[in-house]
N, C-alpha and C. Protein backbone atom coordinates (compact mmCIF):
# COMPACT_ATOMS: atom_id res chain seq x y z
N MET A 1 68.47 27.96 9.10
CA MET A 1 68.59 26.99 8.03
C MET A 1 68.08 25.65 8.55
N THR A 2 67.23 24.99 7.77
CA THR A 2 66.68 23.72 8.19
C THR A 2 67.61 22.58 7.78
N ILE A 3 67.33 21.41 8.30
CA ILE A 3 68.15 20.24 7.98
C ILE A 3 68.07 19.92 6.49
N ALA A 4 66.89 20.04 5.90
CA ALA A 4 66.71 19.74 4.47
C ALA A 4 67.49 20.70 3.60
N SER A 5 67.46 21.98 3.90
CA SER A 5 68.20 22.95 3.09
C SER A 5 69.70 22.80 3.30
N ASN A 6 70.12 22.44 4.51
CA ASN A 6 71.53 22.22 4.79
C ASN A 6 72.03 21.00 4.00
N THR A 7 71.24 19.94 3.94
CA THR A 7 71.59 18.74 3.18
C THR A 7 71.65 19.06 1.69
N ALA A 8 70.71 19.84 1.20
CA ALA A 8 70.71 20.22 -0.22
C ALA A 8 71.94 21.06 -0.55
N ALA A 9 72.31 21.98 0.33
CA ALA A 9 73.49 22.81 0.09
C ALA A 9 74.75 21.96 0.09
N THR A 10 74.83 21.00 1.00
CA THR A 10 75.99 20.12 1.05
C THR A 10 76.08 19.28 -0.22
N ALA A 11 74.95 18.77 -0.69
CA ALA A 11 74.93 17.97 -1.92
C ALA A 11 75.37 18.81 -3.11
N GLN A 12 74.92 20.06 -3.16
CA GLN A 12 75.30 20.94 -4.27
C GLN A 12 76.80 21.24 -4.22
N ASN A 13 77.35 21.48 -3.04
CA ASN A 13 78.78 21.73 -2.91
C ASN A 13 79.59 20.52 -3.33
N ASN A 14 79.13 19.32 -2.95
CA ASN A 14 79.84 18.10 -3.35
C ASN A 14 79.84 17.94 -4.85
N THR A 15 78.73 18.27 -5.50
CA THR A 15 78.64 18.18 -6.95
C THR A 15 79.61 19.16 -7.61
N LEU A 16 79.70 20.37 -7.10
CA LEU A 16 80.62 21.36 -7.66
C LEU A 16 82.06 20.92 -7.50
N VAL A 17 82.40 20.34 -6.37
CA VAL A 17 83.77 19.86 -6.15
C VAL A 17 84.08 18.72 -7.11
N GLN A 18 83.14 17.80 -7.31
CA GLN A 18 83.35 16.69 -8.22
C GLN A 18 83.51 17.18 -9.65
N ASP A 19 82.70 18.15 -10.06
CA ASP A 19 82.81 18.70 -11.41
C ASP A 19 84.16 19.38 -11.61
N GLY A 20 84.62 20.11 -10.60
CA GLY A 20 85.92 20.77 -10.69
C GLY A 20 87.06 19.78 -10.78
N ALA A 21 86.98 18.71 -10.01
CA ALA A 21 88.03 17.68 -10.05
C ALA A 21 88.02 16.97 -11.40
N ARG A 22 86.84 16.72 -11.93
CA ARG A 22 86.73 16.06 -13.24
C ARG A 22 87.30 16.95 -14.34
N ALA A 23 87.03 18.24 -14.28
CA ALA A 23 87.56 19.17 -15.29
C ALA A 23 89.08 19.24 -15.19
N GLU A 24 89.60 19.25 -13.97
CA GLU A 24 91.06 19.30 -13.79
C GLU A 24 91.71 18.03 -14.31
N THR A 25 91.09 16.89 -14.07
CA THR A 25 91.62 15.62 -14.58
C THR A 25 91.60 15.60 -16.10
N LEU A 26 90.54 16.08 -16.69
CA LEU A 26 90.43 16.12 -18.15
C LEU A 26 91.49 17.04 -18.73
N ARG A 27 91.70 18.21 -18.11
CA ARG A 27 92.74 19.13 -18.56
C ARG A 27 94.12 18.50 -18.51
N ALA A 28 94.41 17.78 -17.43
CA ALA A 28 95.71 17.12 -17.28
C ALA A 28 95.89 16.02 -18.32
N ALA A 29 94.83 15.26 -18.58
CA ALA A 29 94.90 14.19 -19.57
C ALA A 29 95.12 14.76 -20.98
N LEU A 30 94.44 15.83 -21.30
CA LEU A 30 94.63 16.45 -22.62
C LEU A 30 96.03 17.04 -22.77
N ALA A 31 96.56 17.62 -21.71
CA ALA A 31 97.93 18.15 -21.75
C ALA A 31 98.93 17.03 -21.95
N ALA A 32 98.75 15.91 -21.24
CA ALA A 32 99.65 14.77 -21.39
C ALA A 32 99.58 14.19 -22.81
N LEU A 33 98.38 14.13 -23.35
CA LEU A 33 98.21 13.64 -24.72
C LEU A 33 98.90 14.56 -25.72
N ALA A 34 98.74 15.85 -25.56
CA ALA A 34 99.38 16.81 -26.47
C ALA A 34 100.90 16.72 -26.39
N ILE A 35 101.43 16.61 -25.19
CA ILE A 35 102.88 16.49 -25.02
C ILE A 35 103.38 15.19 -25.64
N GLY A 36 102.66 14.10 -25.41
CA GLY A 36 103.06 12.81 -25.96
C GLY A 36 103.05 12.79 -27.48
N VAL A 37 101.99 13.31 -28.06
CA VAL A 37 101.90 13.35 -29.53
C VAL A 37 102.98 14.25 -30.11
N SER A 38 103.22 15.38 -29.47
CA SER A 38 104.28 16.27 -29.93
C SER A 38 105.64 15.60 -29.87
N LEU A 39 105.89 14.88 -28.80
CA LEU A 39 107.17 14.20 -28.65
C LEU A 39 107.36 13.13 -29.71
N VAL A 40 106.32 12.32 -29.96
CA VAL A 40 106.43 11.26 -30.96
C VAL A 40 106.68 11.85 -32.35
N PHE A 41 105.96 12.90 -32.71
CA PHE A 41 106.14 13.46 -34.05
C PHE A 41 107.44 14.25 -34.17
N THR A 42 107.88 14.90 -33.09
CA THR A 42 109.16 15.62 -33.13
C THR A 42 110.30 14.64 -33.35
N VAL A 43 110.30 13.57 -32.59
CA VAL A 43 111.36 12.57 -32.72
C VAL A 43 111.21 11.80 -34.03
N GLY A 44 109.99 11.57 -34.44
CA GLY A 44 109.74 10.81 -35.66
C GLY A 44 110.25 11.50 -36.91
N PHE A 45 110.18 12.81 -36.93
CA PHE A 45 110.62 13.55 -38.11
C PHE A 45 111.97 14.23 -37.92
N ALA A 46 112.67 13.89 -36.84
CA ALA A 46 113.98 14.49 -36.59
C ALA A 46 114.99 13.95 -37.60
N HIS A 47 115.93 14.80 -37.99
CA HIS A 47 116.95 14.39 -38.95
C HIS A 47 118.17 13.81 -38.27
N SER A 48 118.31 14.02 -36.99
CA SER A 48 119.47 13.51 -36.27
C SER A 48 119.35 12.00 -36.10
N SER A 49 120.38 11.28 -36.50
CA SER A 49 120.33 9.82 -36.37
C SER A 49 120.36 9.39 -34.91
N ALA A 50 120.98 10.16 -34.04
CA ALA A 50 121.01 9.80 -32.62
C ALA A 50 119.61 9.83 -32.03
N ILE A 51 118.83 10.86 -32.36
CA ILE A 51 117.45 10.94 -31.86
C ILE A 51 116.61 9.84 -32.49
N HIS A 52 116.81 9.62 -33.78
CA HIS A 52 116.06 8.59 -34.48
C HIS A 52 116.31 7.22 -33.86
N ASN A 53 117.56 6.88 -33.65
CA ASN A 53 117.90 5.56 -33.11
C ASN A 53 117.45 5.40 -31.67
N ALA A 54 117.45 6.47 -30.90
CA ALA A 54 117.03 6.39 -29.50
C ALA A 54 115.55 6.04 -29.38
N ALA A 55 114.74 6.48 -30.31
CA ALA A 55 113.30 6.24 -30.23
C ALA A 55 112.81 5.21 -31.23
N HIS A 56 113.70 4.52 -31.89
CA HIS A 56 113.35 3.62 -32.99
C HIS A 56 112.36 2.53 -32.56
N ASP A 57 112.68 1.80 -31.50
CA ASP A 57 111.81 0.70 -31.08
C ASP A 57 110.45 1.20 -30.61
N THR A 58 110.43 2.34 -29.94
CA THR A 58 109.15 2.89 -29.47
C THR A 58 108.27 3.26 -30.64
N ARG A 59 108.84 3.86 -31.66
CA ARG A 59 108.05 4.24 -32.83
C ARG A 59 107.48 3.01 -33.52
N HIS A 60 108.28 1.96 -33.65
CA HIS A 60 107.75 0.75 -34.29
C HIS A 60 106.66 0.11 -33.44
N ALA A 61 106.81 0.15 -32.10
CA ALA A 61 105.78 -0.41 -31.22
C ALA A 61 104.47 0.35 -31.36
N LEU A 62 104.54 1.64 -31.69
CA LEU A 62 103.35 2.47 -31.86
C LEU A 62 102.87 2.52 -33.30
N SER A 63 103.49 1.72 -34.17
CA SER A 63 103.17 1.67 -35.60
C SER A 63 103.41 3.01 -36.30
N PHE A 64 104.42 3.74 -35.83
CA PHE A 64 104.79 5.01 -36.45
C PHE A 64 105.80 4.74 -37.55
N PRO A 65 105.49 5.08 -38.79
CA PRO A 65 106.45 4.78 -39.87
C PRO A 65 107.68 5.68 -39.80
N CYS A 66 108.83 5.07 -39.87
CA CYS A 66 110.05 5.87 -39.82
C CYS A 66 111.04 5.47 -40.91
N HIS A 67 110.64 4.60 -41.80
CA HIS A 67 111.54 4.18 -42.90
C HIS A 67 110.89 4.50 -44.22
């Protein structure tokens, strides 16, 4: 293996690692977004006054209508 082909192989491996890390970060961000949205809507439409009152200020800060 020559120095040029070794450098090219290293560059390709670095690109694959970066792409994998980027995909993993995107997956984690989408999962966090889905959990957050689910939590806001679950609490927002809950009939229990204890749950409603616990999240009241947060919902208003996010402009979520609850009245």
